[in-house]
N, C-alpha and C. Protein backbone atom coordinates (compact mmCIF):
# COMPACT_ATOMS: atom_id res chain seq x y z
N MET A 1 0.92 -1.50 -0.16
CA MET A 1 0.00 -0.05 0.60
C MET A 1 0.65 0.97 0.12
N TYR A 2 0.90 2.36 -0.81
CA TYR A 2 1.48 3.25 -1.29
C TYR A 2 1.14 4.56 0.09
N PRO A 3 2.06 5.40 1.14
CA PRO A 3 1.37 6.25 1.75
C PRO A 3 0.21 7.07 0.41
N TRP A 4 -0.44 8.01 1.56
CA TRP A 4 -1.30 8.30 1.35
C TRP A 4 -0.99 9.89 -0.22
N TYR A 5 -0.03 10.64 0.57
CA TYR A 5 0.62 12.27 -0.23
C TYR A 5 0.81 11.11 -1.47
N ILE A 6 1.16 10.09 -2.00
CA ILE A 6 2.21 9.78 -2.42
C ILE A 6 0.95 9.30 -3.99
N MET A 7 -0.13 8.56 -3.05
CA MET A 7 -1.44 7.64 -3.69
C MET A 7 -2.57 9.66 -4.56
N ILE A 8 -2.35 10.64 -3.67
CA ILE A 8 -2.21 12.25 -3.79
C ILE A 8 -2.19 12.41 -5.05
N LEU A 9 -0.77 13.07 -5.31
CA LEU A 9 0.02 13.47 -6.55
C LEU A 9 -0.14 12.02 -7.24
N HIS A 10 -0.45 10.76 -6.92
CA HIS A 10 -0.92 9.78 -8.82
C HIS A 10 -2.50 10.46 -9.07
N ILE A 11 -2.88 10.94 -8.65
CA ILE A 11 -4.76 11.38 -9.06
C ILE A 11 -4.27 12.85 -9.35
N GLY A 12 -3.75 13.48 -8.55
CA GLY A 12 -2.74 14.59 -9.03
C GLY A 12 -3.12 14.58 -10.31
N LEU A 13 -1.62 13.69 -10.44
CA LEU A 13 -0.82 13.71 -12.88
C LEU A 13 -2.32 13.62 -13.09
N LYS A 14 -2.91 12.22 -13.03
CA LYS A 14 -4.29 11.40 -13.80
C LYS A 14 -5.22 11.83 -13.96
N TYR A 15 -6.02 13.11 -13.27
CA TYR A 15 -6.08 14.73 -13.58
C TYR A 15 -5.93 15.17 -13.97
N PHE A 16 -4.18 16.00 -13.87
CA PHE A 16 -3.97 17.38 -14.90
C PHE A 16 -3.32 17.02 -16.41
N TYR A 17 -3.70 15.91 -16.96
CA TYR A 17 -3.18 15.03 -18.24
C TYR A 17 -4.21 16.90 -19.18
N LYS A 18 -5.01 16.82 -18.44
CA LYS A 18 -5.13 18.24 -20.35
C LYS A 18 -4.63 19.66 -20.27
N TYR A 19 -3.30 19.67 -18.61
CA TYR A 19 -2.99 20.91 -18.88
C TYR A 19 -1.51 20.81 -19.35
N THR A 20 -0.20 21.81 -19.08
CA THR A 20 0.91 21.85 -19.81
C THR A 20 1.45 20.68 -19.42
N TYR A 21 2.88 20.39 -20.24
CA TYR A 21 3.52 19.46 -19.55
C TYR A 21 4.39 19.79 -18.25
N LEU A 22 4.79 21.58 -17.84
CA LEU A 22 4.86 21.63 -17.34
C LEU A 22 4.86 21.49 -15.71
N MET A 23 3.36 21.28 -15.52
CA MET A 23 2.79 20.90 -14.41
C MET A 23 3.32 19.74 -14.04
N LYS A 24 2.68 18.98 -14.96
CA LYS A 24 3.15 17.23 -15.25
C LYS A 24 4.46 17.13 -14.29
N LEU A 25 5.82 18.05 -15.45
CA LEU A 25 7.05 17.81 -14.46
C LEU A 25 6.73 18.74 -13.02
N TYR A 26 6.49 19.71 -12.60
CA TYR A 26 6.30 20.11 -11.35
C TYR A 26 6.10 19.47 -10.29
N LEU A 27 4.56 18.80 -10.79
CA LEU A 27 3.98 17.61 -9.97
C LEU A 27 5.01 15.99 -9.50
N THR A 28 6.06 16.01 -10.61
CA THR A 28 6.07 14.90 -10.49
C THR A 28 7.89 15.08 -9.79
N LEU A 29 7.91 16.72 -9.89
CA LEU A 29 8.96 16.81 -8.71
C LEU A 29 9.03 17.08 -7.85
N ILE A 30 7.33 17.27 -7.51
CA ILE A 30 7.15 17.91 -6.26
C ILE A 30 6.72 15.55 -5.15
N LEU A 31 6.92 14.98 -5.97
CA LEU A 31 6.89 14.03 -5.63
C LEU A 31 8.18 13.41 -4.84
N ILE A 32 8.84 13.43 -6.24
CA ILE A 32 10.23 13.32 -5.75
C ILE A 32 10.93 13.50 -4.54
N LEU A 33 10.85 14.85 -4.75
CA LEU A 33 11.24 15.87 -3.31
C LEU A 33 10.17 15.55 -2.34
N LEU A 34 9.35 14.89 -2.08
CA LEU A 34 8.21 14.11 -1.10
C LEU A 34 9.05 13.25 -0.51
N LEU A 35 9.74 12.13 -1.54
CA LEU A 35 10.09 10.72 -1.63
C LEU A 35 11.44 11.51 -0.28
N ILE A 36 12.28 12.09 -1.09
CA ILE A 36 13.63 12.52 -0.71
C ILE A 36 13.74 13.43 0.85
N ILE A 37 12.69 13.52 0.59
CA ILE A 37 12.34 14.20 2.05
C ILE A 37 12.67 13.20 3.23
N GLY A 38 13.75 13.89 4.73
CA GLY A 38 13.25 12.47 5.97
C GLY A 38 12.63 13.56 6.77
N GLY A 39 12.20 12.61 7.83
CA GLY A 39 10.92 12.55 8.23
C GLY A 39 9.74 12.22 8.54
N SER A 40 9.71 12.35 9.40
CA SER A 40 7.37 12.28 10.07
C SER A 40 7.31 12.79 8.35
N ASN A 41 5.96 11.57 8.91
CA ASN A 41 4.76 12.05 7.61
C ASN A 41 4.04 13.85 7.78
N GLY A 42 4.39 13.81 9.21
CA GLY A 42 3.59 15.41 9.02
C GLY A 42 4.78 16.36 8.50
N ILE A 43 6.04 16.40 9.04
CA ILE A 43 6.20 17.06 7.94
C ILE A 43 6.45 16.93 6.17
N ARG A 44 5.61 15.73 6.34
CA ARG A 44 5.53 15.82 5.02
C ARG A 44 4.55 16.10 4.26
N LEU A 45 3.34 16.32 5.16
CA LEU A 45 2.12 17.01 4.64
C LEU A 45 2.09 18.66 4.88
N ILE A 46 3.03 19.02 5.36
CA ILE A 46 3.64 20.20 5.42
C ILE A 46 4.00 20.84 4.54
N TYR A 47 4.78 19.82 3.42
CA TYR A 47 5.59 20.08 2.55
C TYR A 47 4.64 19.89 1.39
N PHE A 48 4.33 19.51 1.57
CA PHE A 48 2.55 19.09 0.72
C PHE A 48 1.86 19.94 0.10
N ALA A 49 1.48 20.85 1.23
CA ALA A 49 0.56 21.76 1.82
C ALA A 49 0.75 22.85 0.83
N MET A 50 2.32 23.35 1.22
CA MET A 50 2.66 24.50 0.66
C MET A 50 2.76 24.17 -1.21
N TYR A 51 3.25 23.22 -1.33
CA TYR A 51 3.00 22.77 -2.64
C TYR A 51 2.18 22.72 -3.45
N THR A 52 1.34 22.32 -2.85
CA THR A 52 0.04 22.32 -3.56
C THR A 52 -1.54 24.33 -3.45
N PHE A 53 -0.33 24.48 -2.53
CA PHE A 53 -0.94 25.68 -2.24
C PHE A 53 -0.27 26.39 -2.90
N PHE A 54 0.79 26.10 -3.46
CA PHE A 54 2.23 27.34 -5.06
C PHE A 54 1.18 27.08 -5.85
N LEU A 55 0.55 25.30 -6.53
CA LEU A 55 0.76 25.42 -7.40
C LEU A 55 -1.10 25.79 -7.88
N CYS A 56 -1.97 26.41 -7.13
CA CYS A 56 -3.14 26.68 -6.41
C CYS A 56 -2.96 28.03 -6.94
N PHE A 57 -2.27 28.50 -6.67
CA PHE A 57 -1.99 29.82 -6.50
C PHE A 57 -1.94 30.44 -8.04
N ILE A 58 -0.91 29.47 -8.56
CA ILE A 58 -0.24 29.95 -9.89
C ILE A 58 -1.98 29.37 -11.06
N TYR A 59 -1.90 27.90 -11.13
CA TYR A 59 -2.68 27.88 -11.97
C TYR A 59 -4.27 27.75 -12.03
N PHE A 60 -5.06 28.07 -10.43
CA PHE A 60 -6.30 27.69 -10.06
C PHE A 60 -6.48 28.91 -9.40
N PRO A 61 -6.55 30.01 -9.80
CA PRO A 61 -6.68 30.74 -8.66
C PRO A 61 -7.55 31.60 -8.46
N GLN A 62 -9.15 30.69 -9.10
CA GLN A 62 -10.79 30.40 -9.08
C GLN A 62 -10.46 30.07 -7.89
N ILE A 63 -9.65 28.78 -7.53
CA ILE A 63 -9.74 27.90 -5.92
C ILE A 63 -9.31 29.13 -5.20
N MET A 64 -8.17 29.93 -5.03
CA MET A 64 -7.95 30.67 -3.91
C MET A 64 -8.98 31.79 -3.81
N GLY A 65 -10.06 31.68 -3.47
CA GLY A 65 -11.34 32.95 -3.75
C GLY A 65 -11.04 33.52 -2.09
N PHE A 66 -11.40 32.30 -1.36
CA PHE A 66 -11.14 32.96 0.30
C PHE A 66 -10.73 33.87 0.58
N PHE A 67 -9.36 34.24 -0.36
CA PHE A 67 -8.75 34.55 0.41
C PHE A 67 -8.29 36.17 0.22
N LYS A 68 -9.61 36.39 -1.03
CA LYS A 68 -11.11 38.05 -0.78
C LYS A 68 -11.77 38.13 0.42
N LEU A 69 -12.45 37.35 1.46
CA LEU A 69 -12.53 38.00 2.61
C LEU A 69 -12.79 38.33 3.85
N THR A 70 -13.16 39.77 4.18
CA THR A 70 -12.55 40.84 4.33
C THR A 70 -12.07 40.56 5.85
N LEU A 71 -11.79 39.67 6.65
CA LEU A 71 -11.19 39.51 7.33
C LEU A 71 -9.40 39.06 7.04
N LEU A 72 -9.21 38.31 6.01
CA LEU A 72 -8.01 38.44 5.70
C LEU A 72 -7.59 38.83 4.70
N THR A 73 -8.19 40.42 4.34
CA THR A 73 -7.95 41.01 3.04
C THR A 73 -7.27 42.03 4.43
N LYS A 74 -7.75 42.13 5.85
CA LYS A 74 -7.38 43.16 6.84
C LYS A 74 -6.91 42.88 7.53
N ILE A 75 -6.58 41.99 7.13
CA ILE A 75 -5.25 40.79 8.40
C ILE A 75 -3.67 41.41 6.90
N GLY A 76 -4.16 41.16 6.22
CA GLY A 76 -3.65 41.54 4.66
C GLY A 76 -2.75 42.73 4.67
N GLU A 77 -3.45 43.73 4.79
CA GLU A 77 -3.31 45.41 4.96
C GLU A 77 -2.05 45.36 6.41
N SER A 78 -2.56 44.87 7.08
CA SER A 78 -1.51 45.57 8.57
C SER A 78 -0.69 44.30 8.99
N SER A 79 -0.38 43.76 7.87
CA SER A 79 1.04 42.49 7.69
C SER A 79 2.62 43.42 8.23
N TYR A 80 2.64 44.38 7.56
CA TYR A 80 3.47 44.44 7.87
C TYR A 80 3.98 45.26 9.32
N PHE A 81 3.33 46.09 10.18
CA PHE A 81 3.02 45.91 11.24
C PHE A 81 3.24 44.75 12.67
N LEU A 82 2.40 43.69 12.35
CA LEU A 82 2.45 42.33 12.47
C LEU A 82 4.29 41.90 12.29
N TYR A 83 4.75 41.02 10.61
CA TYR A 83 5.99 41.45 11.12
C TYR A 83 6.77 42.03 11.26
N LEU A 84 6.79 43.54 12.16
CA LEU A 84 7.80 44.07 13.12
C LEU A 84 7.76 43.36 13.85
N ILE A 85 6.19 42.86 14.82
CA ILE A 85 6.18 43.40 16.43
C ILE A 85 6.79 41.76 16.82
N HIS A 86 5.77 40.76 15.98
CA HIS A 86 5.91 39.61 16.32
C HIS A 86 7.59 38.71 16.60
N GLU A 87 7.88 38.23 15.95
CA GLU A 87 9.64 38.27 15.80
C GLU A 87 9.83 38.27 17.27
N SER A 88 10.71 39.51 17.44
CA SER A 88 11.18 40.38 18.99
C SER A 88 9.82 40.32 19.91
N VAL A 89 9.21 41.07 20.41
CA VAL A 89 8.45 40.86 21.15
C VAL A 89 7.31 39.92 22.09
N GLY A 90 6.90 39.29 20.55
CA GLY A 90 5.90 37.85 20.58
C GLY A 90 6.86 36.21 21.24
N VAL A 91 8.24 36.37 20.88
CA VAL A 91 9.33 35.64 21.34
C VAL A 91 9.50 36.26 23.03
N PHE A 92 10.01 37.01 22.72
CA PHE A 92 9.66 37.76 24.19
C PHE A 92 8.70 36.94 24.68
N LEU A 93 7.44 37.42 24.35
CA LEU A 93 6.10 37.07 25.70
C LEU A 93 6.17 35.78 26.31
N ILE A 94 6.64 34.94 24.75
CA ILE A 94 6.12 33.92 24.22
C ILE A 94 7.00 32.87 25.89
N TYR A 95 8.35 33.44 25.53
CA TYR A 95 9.00 32.92 26.83
C TYR A 95 9.33 33.46 27.76
N LEU A 96 8.94 34.69 28.00
CA LEU A 96 8.14 35.00 29.73
C LEU A 96 6.88 34.40 30.54
N PHE A 97 6.16 34.28 29.73
CA PHE A 97 4.79 34.21 30.01
C PHE A 97 4.59 32.14 29.54
N GLY A 98 5.14 31.63 29.56
CA GLY A 98 4.99 30.25 28.10
C GLY A 98 4.79 29.67 29.03
N LYS A 99 5.56 29.69 29.86
CA LYS A 99 5.95 28.52 31.18
C LYS A 99 4.40 28.39 31.95
N TYR A 100 3.58 29.42 32.30
CA TYR A 100 2.23 29.61 33.18
C TYR A 100 1.74 28.69 32.56
N PHE A 101 1.54 28.50 30.74
CA PHE A 101 0.66 27.81 30.36
C PHE A 101 0.97 25.69 30.11
N LEU A 102 1.13 26.02 30.62
CA LEU A 102 2.01 24.31 30.63
C LEU A 102 0.43 23.94 31.38
N PRO A 103 0.30 22.34 31.24
CA PRO A 103 0.90 21.71 29.97
C PRO A 103 0.45 21.56 28.81
N ASN A 104 -0.82 22.63 28.69
CA ASN A 104 -1.20 23.68 27.60
C ASN A 104 -0.37 24.59 26.99
N SER A 105 0.67 24.71 26.68
CA SER A 105 1.13 25.52 26.30
C SER A 105 1.51 26.01 24.47
N PHE A 106 0.04 25.66 23.96
CA PHE A 106 0.32 26.28 22.62
C PHE A 106 -1.25 27.47 22.29
N ILE A 107 -1.63 27.37 23.53
CA ILE A 107 -2.53 28.54 24.11
C ILE A 107 -1.81 29.98 24.02
N TRP A 108 -1.51 29.36 24.84
CA TRP A 108 -0.17 30.58 24.46
C TRP A 108 -0.23 31.25 24.11
N PRO A 109 0.93 30.42 23.13
CA PRO A 109 1.58 31.17 21.51
C PRO A 109 -0.26 31.38 21.05
N ILE A 110 -1.39 30.63 20.29
CA ILE A 110 -3.07 30.73 19.78
C ILE A 110 -2.68 32.68 20.41
N PHE A 111 -3.53 32.61 21.88
CA PHE A 111 -3.61 33.89 21.71
C PHE A 111 -2.12 35.44 21.44
N LEU A 112 -1.35 35.30 21.47
CA LEU A 112 -0.64 35.85 21.69
C LEU A 112 -0.96 36.30 18.97
N MET A 113 -1.05 35.67 18.43
CA MET A 113 -0.91 35.49 17.56
C MET A 113 -2.07 36.79 17.73
N ILE A 114 -3.30 36.18 17.95
CA ILE A 114 -4.92 36.88 17.91
C ILE A 114 -4.64 38.14 18.19
N PHE A 115 -3.80 37.95 19.71
CA PHE A 115 -3.84 39.87 19.92
C PHE A 115 -2.62 40.41 19.08
N PHE A 116 -1.82 40.61 18.40
CA PHE A 116 -1.02 40.26 17.80
C PHE A 116 -1.59 41.67 16.10
N ILE A 117 -2.30 40.72 16.43
CA ILE A 117 -3.33 40.43 14.40
C ILE A 117 -4.16 41.79 14.96
N ILE A 118 -4.84 41.76 15.99
CA ILE A 118 -6.35 42.97 16.41
C ILE A 118 -4.65 44.29 16.76
N VAL A 119 -3.69 44.58 17.34
CA VAL A 119 -3.27 45.22 17.42
C VAL A 119 -2.59 45.81 15.80
N SER A 120 -1.69 45.23 15.40
CA SER A 120 -1.97 45.62 14.13
C SER A 120 -3.07 46.50 13.27
N TYR A 121 -3.09 45.22 13.17
CA TYR A 121 -4.92 46.35 12.81
C TYR A 121 -5.17 47.61 13.20
N TYR A 122 -5.93 48.20 14.58
CA TYR A 122 -5.18 49.11 15.08
C TYR A 122 -3.95 50.35 14.51
N PHE A 123 -2.97 50.15 14.31
CA PHE A 123 -1.97 50.38 14.24
C PHE A 123 -2.06 51.16 13.44
N THR A 124 -1.97 50.27 12.14
CA THR A 124 -2.73 50.64 11.24
C THR A 124 -3.02 50.93 10.40
N ILE A 125 -4.61 51.59 10.62
CA ILE A 125 -6.01 51.59 10.78
C ILE A 125 -5.87 53.33 11.23
N LEU A 126 -5.38 54.13 12.38
CA LEU A 126 -4.89 54.53 13.57
C LEU A 126 -3.46 55.74 13.52
N VAL A 127 -2.35 54.48 13.46
CA VAL A 127 -1.39 55.56 12.52
C VAL A 127 -0.87 55.56 10.74
N ASP A 128 -0.85 54.42 10.57
CA ASP A 128 0.05 53.97 10.07
C ASP A 128 -0.99 54.60 8.04
N LYS A 129 -2.28 54.71 8.24
CA LYS A 129 -2.40 55.20 7.69
C LYS A 129 -2.78 56.85 7.16
N LYS A 130 -2.96 57.08 8.52
CA LYS A 130 -2.84 58.90 9.02
C LYS A 130 -1.20 59.26 8.35
N ILE A 131 -0.32 58.87 8.62
CA ILE A 131 1.16 58.74 7.88
C ILE A 131 1.46 59.44 6.80
N ASN A 132 1.12 57.81 6.50
CA ASN A 132 0.95 57.56 4.90
C ASN A 132 -0.26 58.41 3.95
N LYS A 133 -1.06 59.06 4.75
CA LYS A 133 -2.24 60.43 3.49
C LYS A 133 -1.52 61.94 3.60
N TRP A 134 -0.69 61.87 5.94
CA TRP A 134 -0.16 62.72 5.68
C TRP A 134 0.93 63.62 5.04
N LEU A 135 2.09 62.25 4.07
CA LEU A 135 3.21 62.01 3.38
C LEU A 135 2.96 62.62 2.49
N ARG A 136 2.13 61.83 1.49
CA ARG A 136 1.30 61.96 0.23
C ARG A 136 1.47 63.03 0.07
N ASN A 137 0.63 63.84 1.15
CA ASN A 137 -0.11 65.49 0.66
C ASN A 137 1.66 65.95 1.04
N LYS A 138 2.27 65.97 1.79
CA LYS A 138 2.65 66.86 2.00
C LYS A 138 3.80 66.45 0.34
N LEU A 139 4.86 65.23 0.03
CA LEU A 139 4.98 64.57 -1.00
C LEU A 139 4.27 65.35 -2.61
N HIS A 140 3.21 65.44 -2.46
CA HIS A 140 2.41 65.49 -3.64
C HIS A 140 2.47 64.34 -3.79
N ILE A 141 2.36 63.23 -3.89
CA ILE A 141 2.19 61.93 -4.63
C ILE A 141 0.98 61.70 -4.61
């Protein structure tokens, strides 16, 4: 019996015959990569999901329509500030307070992600957009 990811890729190759040879080649390379990469099936699942999202983004953009949801769009607009604060402040807070959430230590990082998304959204609305507007007026852009 083949592992699940080989069967999924085989089915994908079977039904993608009407698309370009480039896509078939890419799917074949993904299969080879997944076979070569060591680790558990969980790691292989992560790689498979990444490649699948990439293929859908390039070849089937209509499938990726859920990214147009209002919530995801707002998170995307505020992602730069989220990028700036997540590592330094987030890692520090996880290190500082994570031990108080044991044995369910996954709760604290999830709470922090939600908190940082909210903070970055309001920072973007209250500070970043106003500064951008002021700078555009001053620079006449």
